[in-house]
Amino acid sequence: AITIQPMDKTVNVGKTAKFSVTATGKSLTYQWRKNGENISGALQRSYTTPPATTGDNGALFSVVVTNPYGSVTSDNATLTVLSK
């Protein structure tokens, strides 16, 4: 079960954003997604984005948490990117 959902983040262009999730259970694996598509290599409890561009504004980040009994998908967290 996910106990703490990823939170919305606001960053300036060129800065990174860190999303994290807290889940209970054993043998958990994580797969972060951006706009519903898996992010290659994003397999930890937290995910730090590359430096944000204006094109990332409004992107939705979520994570699928899996254990041997099944999987659960987090709520979406929105990335807001402020142009300087």
C-alpha atoms as a PDB file:
ATOM      1  CA  ALA A   1       0.000   0.000   0.000  1.00  0.00           C
ATOM      2  CA  ILE A   2       1.149   3.535  -0.713  1.00  0.00           C
ATOM      3  CA  THR A   3       1.179   5.525   2.519  1.00  0.00           C
ATOM      4  CA  ILE A   4       2.624   8.820   1.243  1.00  0.00           C
ATOM      5  CA  GLN A   5       1.805   9.876  -2.314  1.00  0.00           C
ATOM      6  CA  PRO A   6       4.174  11.853  -4.567  1.00  0.00           C
ATOM      7  CA  MET A   7       3.703  15.599  -4.121  1.00  0.00           C
ATOM      8  CA  ASP A   8       3.354  18.304  -6.784  1.00  0.00           C
ATOM      9  CA  LYS A   9       6.587  20.206  -7.436  1.00  0.00           C
ATOM     10  CA  THR A  10       7.382  23.670  -8.775  1.00  0.00           C
ATOM     11  CA  VAL A  11      10.846  24.464 -10.141  1.00  0.00           C
ATOM     12  CA  ASN A  12      12.527  27.075 -12.289  1.00  0.00           C
ATOM     13  CA  VAL A  13      13.709  26.206 -15.795  1.00  0.00           C
ATOM     14  CA  GLY A  14      17.013  24.364 -15.599  1.00  0.00           C
ATOM     15  CA  LYS A  15      16.422  22.997 -12.103  1.00  0.00           C
ATOM     16  CA  THR A  16      15.629  19.419 -11.125  1.00  0.00           C
ATOM     17  CA  ALA A  17      12.623  18.170  -9.171  1.00  0.00           C
ATOM     18  CA  LYS A  18      12.629  15.213  -6.805  1.00  0.00           C
ATOM     19  CA  PHE A  19       9.530  13.062  -6.416  1.00  0.00           C
ATOM     20  CA  SER A  20       9.254  10.353  -3.787  1.00  0.00           C
ATOM     21  CA  VAL A  21       6.789   7.790  -2.536  1.00  0.00           C
ATOM     22  CA  THR A  22       6.423   5.823   0.670  1.00  0.00           C
ATOM     23  CA  ALA A  23       4.901   2.355   0.526  1.00  0.00           C
ATOM     24  CA  THR A  24       4.530  -0.530   2.948  1.00  0.00           C
ATOM     25  CA  GLY A  25       5.341  -4.137   2.218  1.00  0.00           C
ATOM     26  CA  LYS A  26       8.277  -6.370   1.466  1.00  0.00           C
ATOM     27  CA  SER A  27      10.223  -6.996  -1.744  1.00  0.00           C
ATOM     28  CA  LEU A  28       8.957  -3.755  -3.263  1.00  0.00           C
ATOM     29  CA  THR A  29      10.004  -2.604  -6.711  1.00  0.00           C
ATOM     30  CA  TYR A  30       9.358   0.804  -8.221  1.00  0.00           C
ATOM     31  CA  GLN A  31       8.806   2.100 -11.745  1.00  0.00           C
ATOM     32  CA  TRP A  32       8.369   5.837 -12.220  1.00  0.00           C
ATOM     33  CA  ARG A  33       6.307   7.168 -15.106  1.00  0.00           C
ATOM     34  CA  LYS A  34       6.060  10.514 -16.860  1.00  0.00           C
ATOM     35  CA  ASN A  35       2.709  11.185 -18.523  1.00  0.00           C
ATOM     36  CA  GLY A  36       1.917   7.469 -18.266  1.00  0.00           C
ATOM     37  CA  GLU A  37       5.133   6.274 -19.938  1.00  0.00           C
ATOM     38  CA  ASN A  38       7.798   4.366 -18.021  1.00  0.00           C
ATOM     39  CA  ILE A  39      10.993   6.328 -17.346  1.00  0.00           C
ATOM     40  CA  SER A  40      13.988   4.177 -18.222  1.00  0.00           C
ATOM     41  CA  GLY A  41      16.131   3.430 -15.175  1.00  0.00           C
ATOM     42  CA  ALA A  42      13.787   5.161 -12.697  1.00  0.00           C
ATOM     43  CA  LEU A  43      13.521   2.214 -10.326  1.00  0.00           C
ATOM     44  CA  GLN A  44      14.045   3.711  -6.857  1.00  0.00           C
ATOM     45  CA  ARG A  45      11.757   5.016  -4.126  1.00  0.00           C
ATOM     46  CA  SER A  46      12.483   8.530  -5.349  1.00  0.00           C
ATOM     47  CA  TYR A  47      13.080  10.020  -8.779  1.00  0.00           C
ATOM     48  CA  THR A  48      14.978  13.192  -9.656  1.00  0.00           C
ATOM     49  CA  THR A  49      14.150  14.709 -13.027  1.00  0.00           C
ATOM     50  CA  PRO A  50      16.714  15.995 -15.487  1.00  0.00           C
ATOM     51  CA  PRO A  51      16.955  19.811 -15.593  1.00  0.00           C
ATOM     52  CA  ALA A  52      13.459  21.020 -16.395  1.00  0.00           C
ATOM     53  CA  THR A  53      12.498  22.712 -19.642  1.00  0.00           C
ATOM     54  CA  THR A  54       9.376  24.736 -20.397  1.00  0.00           C
ATOM     55  CA  GLY A  55       8.116  21.662 -22.273  1.00  0.00           C
ATOM     56  CA  ASP A  56       7.990  19.785 -18.960  1.00  0.00           C
ATOM     57  CA  ASN A  57       5.449  22.225 -17.509  1.00  0.00           C
ATOM     58  CA  GLY A  58       2.333  20.305 -16.522  1.00  0.00           C
ATOM     59  CA  ALA A  59       3.982  16.884 -16.813  1.00  0.00           C
ATOM     60  CA  LEU A  60       2.420  14.201 -14.631  1.00  0.00           C
ATOM     61  CA  PHE A  61       4.644  11.876 -12.613  1.00  0.00           C
ATOM     62  CA  SER A  62       3.475   8.672 -10.972  1.00  0.00           C
ATOM     63  CA  VAL A  63       5.051   5.461  -9.732  1.00  0.00           C
ATOM     64  CA  VAL A  64       3.979   1.835  -9.895  1.00  0.00           C
ATOM     65  CA  VAL A  65       4.901  -0.053  -6.732  1.00  0.00           C
ATOM     66  CA  THR A  66       5.000  -3.823  -7.127  1.00  0.00           C
ATOM     67  CA  ASN A  67       5.552  -6.759  -4.807  1.00  0.00           C
ATOM     68  CA  PRO A  68       4.973 -10.499  -5.284  1.00  0.00           C
ATOM     69  CA  TYR A  69       1.262 -10.030  -4.515  1.00  0.00           C
ATOM     70  CA  GLY A  70       0.472  -7.337  -7.041  1.00  0.00           C
ATOM     71  CA  SER A  71       0.989  -3.692  -7.888  1.00  0.00           C
ATOM     72  CA  VAL A  72      -0.490  -0.301  -7.104  1.00  0.00           C
ATOM     73  CA  THR A  73      -0.095   2.978  -8.979  1.00  0.00           C
ATOM     74  CA  SER A  74       0.312   6.251  -7.118  1.00  0.00           C
ATOM     75  CA  ASP A  75      -1.648   9.403  -7.713  1.00  0.00           C
ATOM     76  CA  ASN A  76      -0.222  11.770 -10.314  1.00  0.00           C
ATOM     77  CA  ALA A  77       2.055  14.573  -9.143  1.00  0.00           C
ATOM     78  CA  THR A  78       2.231  17.619 -11.381  1.00  0.00           C
ATOM     79  CA  LEU A  79       5.486  19.348 -12.298  1.00  0.00           C
ATOM     80  CA  THR A  80       5.142  23.095 -12.728  1.00  0.00           C
ATOM     81  CA  VAL A  81       8.069  24.770 -14.487  1.00  0.00           C
ATOM     82  CA  LEU A  82       8.503  28.507 -14.068  1.00  0.00           C
ATOM     83  CA  SER A  83      10.278  30.367 -16.846  1.00  0.00           C
ATOM     84  CA  LYS A  84      12.795  32.917 -15.628  1.00  0.00           C
END
